[in-house]
């Protein structure tokens, strides 16, 4: 579905992504991982045609750089990690903008548009807030609003840059499970930038590990997220550290902090 060949992004003398090549097949969820500064978000910007690059990015055999914006918007949905809103649109109005590529100019509102908007609001748990102004939302609610917009867009390739930014744990679970169901429908694929390697391992089918703009490894999650590859990218024993963190939850209750009797009473109150 997506073919990236010798992708290079430079800002003056600085190379951010260096001759990167990989492929993404239909039905797969590719997790892009790596330390800060690895070039992950820059990769998303290049695929979404927001920044200049050299090399070739193809979608279903067609050069993305040569496609019309409307065709790109009907096939690629992009969710960035930060959103700046200085306008008093409602949640529903923001989500409805996801249907722009299917309308005639600014005119949307057909039966299919209404159905896609309603489905997206329900899937993201934003239905009850559909008439609320986005300037009054929390960070998590705003992120879910823009996720709903991308889902209403009904793309074939979903591109997510830290999709659970600002979200608490229940919504982490809801969003990743939602995307997991979404990608199982025919003709779809997902590319996600994530920092949480546990989420990458739990939900991804494939992974791309980057470091300083270059590919360390790509393939199935099991092939990529090995102790050797992670050490190469992060310069530390990530595997051992992650296991030790998760092991904290297996400690018996007797190992919890000891409080004074007065402290115990305050906790019970």
C-alpha atoms as a PDB file:
ATOM      1  CA  UNK A   1       0.000   0.000   0.000  1.00  0.00           C
ATOM      2  CA  UNK A   2       2.834   2.419   0.910  1.00  0.00           C
ATOM      3  CA  UNK A   3       6.349   2.264  -0.527  1.00  0.00           C
ATOM      4  CA  UNK A   4       9.079   4.618   0.728  1.00  0.00           C
ATOM      5  CA  UNK A   5      12.314   4.621  -1.256  1.00  0.00           C
ATOM      6  CA  UNK A   6      15.518   6.442  -0.329  1.00  0.00           C
ATOM      7  CA  UNK A   7      13.596   9.142   1.548  1.00  0.00           C
ATOM      8  CA  UNK A   8      15.859  12.010   2.616  1.00  0.00           C
ATOM      9  CA  UNK A   9      14.929  15.217   4.423  1.00  0.00           C
ATOM     10  CA  UNK A  10      17.476  17.989   4.940  1.00  0.00           C
ATOM     11  CA  UNK A  11      17.288  21.404   6.591  1.00  0.00           C
ATOM     12  CA  UNK A  12      20.327  23.210   5.247  1.00  0.00           C
ATOM     13  CA  UNK A  13      23.384  21.136   6.176  1.00  0.00           C
ATOM     14  CA  UNK A  14      21.402  19.072   8.706  1.00  0.00           C
ATOM     15  CA  UNK A  15      20.073  15.674   7.579  1.00  0.00           C
ATOM     16  CA  UNK A  16      16.959  14.674   9.527  1.00  0.00           C
ATOM     17  CA  UNK A  17      15.967  11.544   7.581  1.00  0.00           C
ATOM     18  CA  UNK A  18      18.708   9.749   5.694  1.00  0.00           C
ATOM     19  CA  UNK A  19      17.954   7.440   2.733  1.00  0.00           C
ATOM     20  CA  UNK A  20      15.109   5.653   4.480  1.00  0.00           C
ATOM     21  CA  UNK A  21      13.311   2.804   2.683  1.00  0.00           C
ATOM     22  CA  UNK A  22      10.467   0.549   3.853  1.00  0.00           C
ATOM     23  CA  UNK A  23       7.067  -0.766   2.753  1.00  0.00           C
ATOM     24  CA  UNK A  24       3.661  -1.032   4.410  1.00  0.00           C
ATOM     25  CA  UNK A  25       1.182  -3.673   3.273  1.00  0.00           C
ATOM     26  CA  UNK A  26      -2.607  -3.687   3.472  1.00  0.00           C
ATOM     27  CA  UNK A  27      -3.948  -4.886   6.819  1.00  0.00           C
ATOM     28  CA  UNK A  28      -0.732  -4.035   8.688  1.00  0.00           C
ATOM     29  CA  UNK A  29      -0.155  -1.640  11.573  1.00  0.00           C
ATOM     30  CA  UNK A  30       3.383  -0.253  11.395  1.00  0.00           C
ATOM     31  CA  UNK A  31       4.769   1.213  14.616  1.00  0.00           C
ATOM     32  CA  UNK A  32       7.521   3.783  14.036  1.00  0.00           C
ATOM     33  CA  UNK A  33       9.710   3.890  17.136  1.00  0.00           C
ATOM     34  CA  UNK A  34      13.030   5.333  18.215  1.00  0.00           C
ATOM     35  CA  UNK A  35      14.567   7.911  20.561  1.00  0.00           C
ATOM     36  CA  UNK A  36      13.874  11.639  20.428  1.00  0.00           C
ATOM     37  CA  UNK A  37      15.467  13.196  17.371  1.00  0.00           C
ATOM     38  CA  UNK A  38      15.326   9.983  15.351  1.00  0.00           C
ATOM     39  CA  UNK A  39      13.269  11.639  12.596  1.00  0.00           C
ATOM     40  CA  UNK A  40       9.933   9.941  13.290  1.00  0.00           C
ATOM     41  CA  UNK A  41       7.697  13.025  13.103  1.00  0.00           C
ATOM     42  CA  UNK A  42       9.660  14.294  10.107  1.00  0.00           C
ATOM     43  CA  UNK A  43       8.864  11.015   8.370  1.00  0.00           C
ATOM     44  CA  UNK A  44       5.152  11.627   9.020  1.00  0.00           C
ATOM     45  CA  UNK A  45       5.477  15.152   7.638  1.00  0.00           C
ATOM     46  CA  UNK A  46       7.103  13.858   4.456  1.00  0.00           C
ATOM     47  CA  UNK A  47       4.510  11.120   3.855  1.00  0.00           C
ATOM     48  CA  UNK A  48       1.681  13.606   4.410  1.00  0.00           C
ATOM     49  CA  UNK A  49       3.333  15.946   1.863  1.00  0.00           C
ATOM     50  CA  UNK A  50       3.832  18.743   4.388  1.00  0.00           C
ATOM     51  CA  UNK A  51       7.614  19.066   4.044  1.00  0.00           C
ATOM     52  CA  UNK A  52      10.081  18.883   1.177  1.00  0.00           C
ATOM     53  CA  UNK A  53      11.963  15.631   0.631  1.00  0.00           C
ATOM     54  CA  UNK A  54      13.970  13.748  -1.943  1.00  0.00           C
ATOM     55  CA  UNK A  55      13.399  10.120  -2.861  1.00  0.00           C
ATOM     56  CA  UNK A  56      10.020   8.614  -3.668  1.00  0.00           C
ATOM     57  CA  UNK A  57       6.879   7.896  -1.658  1.00  0.00           C
ATOM     58  CA  UNK A  58       4.284   5.780  -3.453  1.00  0.00           C
ATOM     59  CA  UNK A  59       0.718   4.974  -2.465  1.00  0.00           C
ATOM     60  CA  UNK A  60      -0.690   1.947  -4.273  1.00  0.00           C
ATOM     61  CA  UNK A  61       1.986   2.358  -6.934  1.00  0.00           C
ATOM     62  CA  UNK A  62       1.329   6.075  -7.540  1.00  0.00           C
ATOM     63  CA  UNK A  63       3.831   8.809  -6.690  1.00  0.00           C
ATOM     64  CA  UNK A  64       2.210  10.743  -3.819  1.00  0.00           C
ATOM     65  CA  UNK A  65       3.926  13.960  -4.880  1.00  0.00           C
ATOM     66  CA  UNK A  66       2.048  13.846  -8.198  1.00  0.00           C
ATOM     67  CA  UNK A  67      -1.431  13.207  -6.802  1.00  0.00           C
ATOM     68  CA  UNK A  68      -3.973  16.015  -6.462  1.00  0.00           C
ATOM     69  CA  UNK A  69      -4.596  17.177  -2.862  1.00  0.00           C
ATOM     70  CA  UNK A  70      -8.197  15.948  -2.994  1.00  0.00           C
ATOM     71  CA  UNK A  71      -7.041  12.442  -3.983  1.00  0.00           C
ATOM     72  CA  UNK A  72      -4.433  12.444  -1.225  1.00  0.00           C
ATOM     73  CA  UNK A  73      -7.060  13.546   1.325  1.00  0.00           C
ATOM     74  CA  UNK A  74      -9.424  10.761   0.302  1.00  0.00           C
ATOM     75  CA  UNK A  75      -6.774   8.122   0.869  1.00  0.00           C
ATOM     76  CA  UNK A  76      -4.496   9.420   3.655  1.00  0.00           C
ATOM     77  CA  UNK A  77      -5.727  10.578   7.060  1.00  0.00           C
ATOM     78  CA  UNK A  78      -3.156  12.274   9.299  1.00  0.00           C
ATOM     79  CA  UNK A  79      -3.425  12.950  13.034  1.00  0.00           C
ATOM     80  CA  UNK A  80      -0.638  15.088  14.484  1.00  0.00           C
ATOM     81  CA  UNK A  81       0.218  15.157  18.191  1.00  0.00           C
ATOM     82  CA  UNK A  82      -0.467  18.861  18.795  1.00  0.00           C
ATOM     83  CA  UNK A  83      -3.345  21.092  17.693  1.00  0.00           C
ATOM     84  CA  UNK A  84      -3.551  24.876  17.857  1.00  0.00           C
ATOM     85  CA  UNK A  85      -7.138  26.117  17.737  1.00  0.00           C
ATOM     86  CA  UNK A  86      -8.004  29.789  17.864  1.00  0.00           C
ATOM     87  CA  UNK A  87     -11.501  29.526  16.467  1.00  0.00           C
ATOM     88  CA  UNK A  88     -14.842  28.825  18.118  1.00  0.00           C
ATOM     89  CA  UNK A  89     -15.920  25.848  16.022  1.00  0.00           C
ATOM     90  CA  UNK A  90     -17.945  23.141  17.722  1.00  0.00           C
ATOM     91  CA  UNK A  91     -16.710  19.568  17.978  1.00  0.00           C
ATOM     92  CA  UNK A  92     -19.172  18.510  15.289  1.00  0.00           C
ATOM     93  CA  UNK A  93     -17.997  21.261  12.925  1.00  0.00           C
ATOM     94  CA  UNK A  94     -14.380  20.169  13.322  1.00  0.00           C
ATOM     95  CA  UNK A  95     -15.277  16.532  12.667  1.00  0.00           C
ATOM     96  CA  UNK A  96     -17.382  17.502   9.651  1.00  0.00           C
ATOM     97  CA  UNK A  97     -14.289  19.085   8.051  1.00  0.00           C
ATOM     98  CA  UNK A  98     -13.042  15.525   7.601  1.00  0.00           C
ATOM     99  CA  UNK A  99     -15.612  15.201   4.814  1.00  0.00           C
ATOM    100  CA  UNK A 100     -14.304  18.236   2.894  1.00  0.00           C
ATOM    101  CA  UNK A 101     -12.527  16.160   0.220  1.00  0.00           C
ATOM    102  CA  UNK A 102     -15.811  14.444  -0.673  1.00  0.00           C
ATOM    103  CA  UNK A 103     -17.900  17.584  -1.077  1.00  0.00           C
ATOM    104  CA  UNK A 104     -18.335  20.269  -3.721  1.00  0.00           C
ATOM    105  CA  UNK A 105     -16.278  23.152  -2.392  1.00  0.00           C
ATOM    106  CA  UNK A 106     -17.329  23.764   1.205  1.00  0.00           C
ATOM    107  CA  UNK A 107     -20.661  22.026   0.706  1.00  0.00           C
ATOM    108  CA  UNK A 108     -21.024  18.779   2.645  1.00  0.00           C
ATOM    109  CA  UNK A 109     -23.925  17.242   4.463  1.00  0.00           C
ATOM    110  CA  UNK A 110     -25.125  14.362   2.328  1.00  0.00           C
ATOM    111  CA  UNK A 111     -26.418  11.141   3.841  1.00  0.00           C
ATOM    112  CA  UNK A 112     -23.019   9.429   3.720  1.00  0.00           C
ATOM    113  CA  UNK A 113     -21.327  12.479   5.253  1.00  0.00           C
ATOM    114  CA  UNK A 114     -23.796  12.516   8.133  1.00  0.00           C
ATOM    115  CA  UNK A 115     -23.290   8.807   8.720  1.00  0.00           C
ATOM    116  CA  UNK A 116     -19.487   9.062   8.767  1.00  0.00           C
ATOM    117  CA  UNK A 117     -19.566  12.026  11.147  1.00  0.00           C
ATOM    118  CA  UNK A 118     -21.982  10.288  13.510  1.00  0.00           C
ATOM    119  CA  UNK A 119     -19.909   7.089  13.493  1.00  0.00           C
ATOM    120  CA  UNK A 120     -16.681   8.981  14.196  1.00  0.00           C
ATOM    121  CA  UNK A 121     -18.209  10.902  17.115  1.00  0.00           C
ATOM    122  CA  UNK A 122     -19.564   7.694  18.622  1.00  0.00           C
ATOM    123  CA  UNK A 123     -16.306   5.750  18.167  1.00  0.00           C
ATOM    124  CA  UNK A 124     -14.246   8.408  19.923  1.00  0.00           C
ATOM    125  CA  UNK A 125     -16.714   9.045  22.732  1.00  0.00           C
ATOM    126  CA  UNK A 126     -17.316  12.649  21.662  1.00  0.00           C
ATOM    127  CA  UNK A 127     -21.014  12.360  20.822  1.00  0.00           C
ATOM    128  CA  UNK A 128     -22.199  14.039  24.018  1.00  0.00           C
ATOM    129  CA  UNK A 129     -19.831  16.981  23.378  1.00  0.00           C
ATOM    130  CA  UNK A 130     -20.679  17.434  19.705  1.00  0.00           C
ATOM    131  CA  UNK A 131     -22.148  20.958  20.237  1.00  0.00           C
ATOM    132  CA  UNK A 132     -19.409  22.153  22.582  1.00  0.00           C
ATOM    133  CA  UNK A 133     -16.860  24.763  21.441  1.00  0.00           C
ATOM    134  CA  UNK A 134     -13.418  23.258  20.896  1.00  0.00           C
ATOM    135  CA  UNK A 135     -11.786  26.177  22.746  1.00  0.00           C
ATOM    136  CA  UNK A 136     -13.388  24.877  25.954  1.00  0.00           C
ATOM    137  CA  UNK A 137     -12.107  21.291  25.642  1.00  0.00           C
ATOM    138  CA  UNK A 138      -9.383  19.590  27.649  1.00  0.00           C
ATOM    139  CA  UNK A 139      -6.248  18.407  25.834  1.00  0.00           C
ATOM    140  CA  UNK A 140      -7.551  14.837  25.726  1.00  0.00           C
ATOM    141  CA  UNK A 141     -10.963  15.875  24.436  1.00  0.00           C
ATOM    142  CA  UNK A 142      -9.351  17.996  21.742  1.00  0.00           C
ATOM    143  CA  UNK A 143      -7.168  15.070  20.640  1.00  0.00           C
ATOM    144  CA  UNK A 144     -10.225  12.825  20.405  1.00  0.00           C
ATOM    145  CA  UNK A 145     -12.030  15.490  18.374  1.00  0.00           C
ATOM    146  CA  UNK A 146      -9.289  15.524  15.753  1.00  0.00           C
ATOM    147  CA  UNK A 147      -9.107  11.727  15.797  1.00  0.00           C
ATOM    148  CA  UNK A 148     -12.838  11.737  15.025  1.00  0.00           C
ATOM    149  CA  UNK A 149     -12.181  14.146  12.152  1.00  0.00           C
ATOM    150  CA  UNK A 150      -9.626  11.760  10.648  1.00  0.00           C
ATOM    151  CA  UNK A 151     -11.952   8.775  11.065  1.00  0.00           C
ATOM    152  CA  UNK A 152     -14.799  10.715   9.410  1.00  0.00           C
ATOM    153  CA  UNK A 153     -12.416  11.283   6.508  1.00  0.00           C
ATOM    154  CA  UNK A 154     -12.574   7.495   5.950  1.00  0.00           C
ATOM    155  CA  UNK A 155      -9.018   7.141   4.588  1.00  0.00           C
ATOM    156  CA  UNK A 156      -7.364   3.951   3.454  1.00  0.00           C
ATOM    157  CA  UNK A 157      -4.083   4.771   5.193  1.00  0.00           C
ATOM    158  CA  UNK A 158      -4.194   6.189   8.711  1.00  0.00           C
ATOM    159  CA  UNK A 159      -1.071   8.094   9.794  1.00  0.00           C
ATOM    160  CA  UNK A 160      -0.829   8.883  13.506  1.00  0.00           C
ATOM    161  CA  UNK A 161       1.875  10.894  15.272  1.00  0.00           C
ATOM    162  CA  UNK A 162       1.584   9.984  18.965  1.00  0.00           C
ATOM    163  CA  UNK A 163      -2.199   9.428  18.761  1.00  0.00           C
ATOM    164  CA  UNK A 164      -2.743   9.204  22.535  1.00  0.00           C
ATOM    165  CA  UNK A 165      -1.016  12.464  23.472  1.00  0.00           C
ATOM    166  CA  UNK A 166      -2.867  14.085  26.417  1.00  0.00           C
ATOM    167  CA  UNK A 167      -5.076  11.011  26.899  1.00  0.00           C
ATOM    168  CA  UNK A 168      -5.417   9.154  30.202  1.00  0.00           C
ATOM    169  CA  UNK A 169      -5.106   5.376  30.522  1.00  0.00           C
ATOM    170  CA  UNK A 170      -8.734   4.380  29.741  1.00  0.00           C
ATOM    171  CA  UNK A 171      -8.597   6.350  26.493  1.00  0.00           C
ATOM    172  CA  UNK A 172      -5.175   4.897  25.624  1.00  0.00           C
ATOM    173  CA  UNK A 173      -6.858   1.517  25.673  1.00  0.00           C
ATOM    174  CA  UNK A 174      -9.987   2.711  23.858  1.00  0.00           C
ATOM    175  CA  UNK A 175      -8.090   4.476  21.055  1.00  0.00           C
ATOM    176  CA  UNK A 176      -5.648   1.644  20.355  1.00  0.00           C
ATOM    177  CA  UNK A 177      -8.378  -0.978  20.407  1.00  0.00           C
ATOM    178  CA  UNK A 178     -10.506   1.222  18.132  1.00  0.00           C
ATOM    179  CA  UNK A 179      -7.654   1.538  15.626  1.00  0.00           C
ATOM    180  CA  UNK A 180      -7.004  -2.193  15.907  1.00  0.00           C
ATOM    181  CA  UNK A 181     -10.576  -2.887  14.799  1.00  0.00           C
ATOM    182  CA  UNK A 182     -10.442  -0.199  12.108  1.00  0.00           C
ATOM    183  CA  UNK A 183      -7.373  -1.639  10.375  1.00  0.00           C
ATOM    184  CA  UNK A 184      -8.915  -5.109  10.115  1.00  0.00           C
ATOM    185  CA  UNK A 185     -11.389  -3.896   7.521  1.00  0.00           C
ATOM    186  CA  UNK A 186     -10.310  -4.581   3.898  1.00  0.00           C
ATOM    187  CA  UNK A 187      -8.143  -2.050   2.108  1.00  0.00           C
ATOM    188  CA  UNK A 188      -6.726  -0.327   5.181  1.00  0.00           C
ATOM    189  CA  UNK A 189      -3.368   0.122   6.899  1.00  0.00           C
ATOM    190  CA  UNK A 190      -1.969   2.198   9.779  1.00  0.00           C
ATOM    191  CA  UNK A 191       1.358   3.929  10.406  1.00  0.00           C
ATOM    192  CA  UNK A 192       1.820   5.212  13.972  1.00  0.00           C
ATOM    193  CA  UNK A 193       4.641   7.063  15.663  1.00  0.00           C
ATOM    194  CA  UNK A 194       4.775   5.910  19.293  1.00  0.00           C
ATOM    195  CA  UNK A 195       7.187   6.340  22.184  1.00  0.00           C
ATOM    196  CA  UNK A 196       5.654   3.643  24.373  1.00  0.00           C
ATOM    197  CA  UNK A 197       7.325   0.401  23.293  1.00  0.00           C
ATOM    198  CA  UNK A 198       4.796  -1.639  25.259  1.00  0.00           C
ATOM    199  CA  UNK A 199       1.956  -0.222  23.131  1.00  0.00           C
ATOM    200  CA  UNK A 200       4.000  -0.811  19.986  1.00  0.00           C
ATOM    201  CA  UNK A 201       4.565  -4.429  20.946  1.00  0.00           C
ATOM    202  CA  UNK A 202       0.971  -5.039  22.051  1.00  0.00           C
ATOM    203  CA  UNK A 203      -0.864  -3.555  19.058  1.00  0.00           C
ATOM    204  CA  UNK A 204       1.554  -3.362  16.124  1.00  0.00           C
ATOM    205  CA  UNK A 205       1.947  -6.044  13.490  1.00  0.00           C
ATOM    206  CA  UNK A 206       5.166  -4.500  12.175  1.00  0.00           C
ATOM    207  CA  UNK A 207       7.722  -1.954  13.388  1.00  0.00           C
ATOM    208  CA  UNK A 208      10.269   0.476  11.990  1.00  0.00           C
ATOM    209  CA  UNK A 209      13.054   1.354  14.429  1.00  0.00           C
ATOM    210  CA  UNK A 210      14.897   4.615  13.664  1.00  0.00           C
ATOM    211  CA  UNK A 211      17.922   6.341  15.109  1.00  0.00           C
ATOM    212  CA  UNK A 212      19.426   9.646  13.907  1.00  0.00           C
ATOM    213  CA  UNK A 213      17.333   9.585  10.751  1.00  0.00           C
ATOM    214  CA  UNK A 214      18.347   6.113   9.687  1.00  0.00           C
ATOM    215  CA  UNK A 215      16.698   2.720   9.819  1.00  0.00           C
ATOM    216  CA  UNK A 216      18.005   0.384  12.482  1.00  0.00           C
ATOM    217  CA  UNK A 217      15.559  -2.417  11.617  1.00  0.00           C
ATOM    218  CA  UNK A 218      12.141  -3.045  10.109  1.00  0.00           C
ATOM    219  CA  UNK A 219       9.937  -6.125   9.894  1.00  0.00           C
ATOM    220  CA  UNK A 220       7.505  -7.777  12.268  1.00  0.00           C
ATOM    221  CA  UNK A 221       7.338  -6.417  15.811  1.00  0.00           C
ATOM    222  CA  UNK A 222       9.061  -9.576  17.090  1.00  0.00           C
ATOM    223  CA  UNK A 223      11.903  -9.169  14.581  1.00  0.00           C
ATOM    224  CA  UNK A 224      12.482  -5.487  15.305  1.00  0.00           C
ATOM    225  CA  UNK A 225      11.978  -4.982  19.048  1.00  0.00           C
ATOM    226  CA  UNK A 226      14.827  -7.239  20.117  1.00  0.00           C
ATOM    227  CA  UNK A 227      17.278  -6.376  22.930  1.00  0.00           C
ATOM    228  CA  UNK A 228      20.087  -6.028  20.371  1.00  0.00           C
ATOM    229  CA  UNK A 229      18.214  -3.619  18.086  1.00  0.00           C
ATOM    230  CA  UNK A 230      16.907  -1.548  21.001  1.00  0.00           C
ATOM    231  CA  UNK A 231      20.402  -1.226  22.464  1.00  0.00           C
ATOM    232  CA  UNK A 232      21.668  -0.028  19.081  1.00  0.00           C
ATOM    233  CA  UNK A 233      18.966   2.650  18.851  1.00  0.00           C
ATOM    234  CA  UNK A 234      18.733   3.812  22.474  1.00  0.00           C
ATOM    235  CA  UNK A 235      22.230   3.089  23.793  1.00  0.00           C
ATOM    236  CA  UNK A 236      20.869   1.237  26.825  1.00  0.00           C
ATOM    237  CA  UNK A 237      19.353  -2.112  27.787  1.00  0.00           C
ATOM    238  CA  UNK A 238      15.774  -1.048  27.062  1.00  0.00           C
ATOM    239  CA  UNK A 239      14.452  -4.607  27.253  1.00  0.00           C
ATOM    240  CA  UNK A 240      15.724  -5.120  30.810  1.00  0.00           C
ATOM    241  CA  UNK A 241      14.542  -1.683  31.914  1.00  0.00           C
ATOM    242  CA  UNK A 242      11.017  -2.213  30.516  1.00  0.00           C
ATOM    243  CA  UNK A 243      10.782  -5.620  32.191  1.00  0.00           C
ATOM    244  CA  UNK A 244      11.868  -4.129  35.526  1.00  0.00           C
ATOM    245  CA  UNK A 245       9.248  -1.366  35.255  1.00  0.00           C
ATOM    246  CA  UNK A 246       6.459  -3.793  34.473  1.00  0.00           C
ATOM    247  CA  UNK A 247       7.663  -6.024  37.283  1.00  0.00           C
ATOM    248  CA  UNK A 248       6.690  -3.326  39.802  1.00  0.00           C
ATOM    249  CA  UNK A 249       3.035  -4.283  39.266  1.00  0.00           C
ATOM    250  CA  UNK A 250       3.739  -7.887  40.258  1.00  0.00           C
ATOM    251  CA  UNK A 251       4.971  -6.991  43.732  1.00  0.00           C
ATOM    252  CA  UNK A 252       2.736  -8.260  46.578  1.00  0.00           C
ATOM    253  CA  UNK A 253       0.532  -5.816  48.461  1.00  0.00           C
ATOM    254  CA  UNK A 254       2.734  -6.268  51.524  1.00  0.00           C
ATOM    255  CA  UNK A 255       5.466  -4.373  49.681  1.00  0.00           C
ATOM    256  CA  UNK A 256       3.426  -1.172  49.493  1.00  0.00           C
ATOM    257  CA  UNK A 257       4.712   1.917  51.416  1.00  0.00           C
ATOM    258  CA  UNK A 258       4.197   1.846  55.190  1.00  0.00           C
ATOM    259  CA  UNK A 259       2.169   4.737  56.635  1.00  0.00           C
ATOM    260  CA  UNK A 260       1.761   5.854  60.231  1.00  0.00           C
ATOM    261  CA  UNK A 261      -1.535   5.089  61.974  1.00  0.00           C
ATOM    262  CA  UNK A 262      -2.599   8.706  61.512  1.00  0.00           C
ATOM    263  CA  UNK A 263      -1.723   8.512  57.836  1.00  0.00           C
ATOM    264  CA  UNK A 264      -3.708   5.282  57.482  1.00  0.00           C
ATOM    265  CA  UNK A 265      -6.748   6.957  59.029  1.00  0.00           C
ATOM    266  CA  UNK A 266      -6.498   9.910  56.614  1.00  0.00           C
ATOM    267  CA  UNK A 267      -6.256   7.505  53.657  1.00  0.00           C
ATOM    268  CA  UNK A 268      -9.360   5.599  54.814  1.00  0.00           C
ATOM    269  CA  UNK A 269     -11.261   8.862  55.194  1.00  0.00           C
END
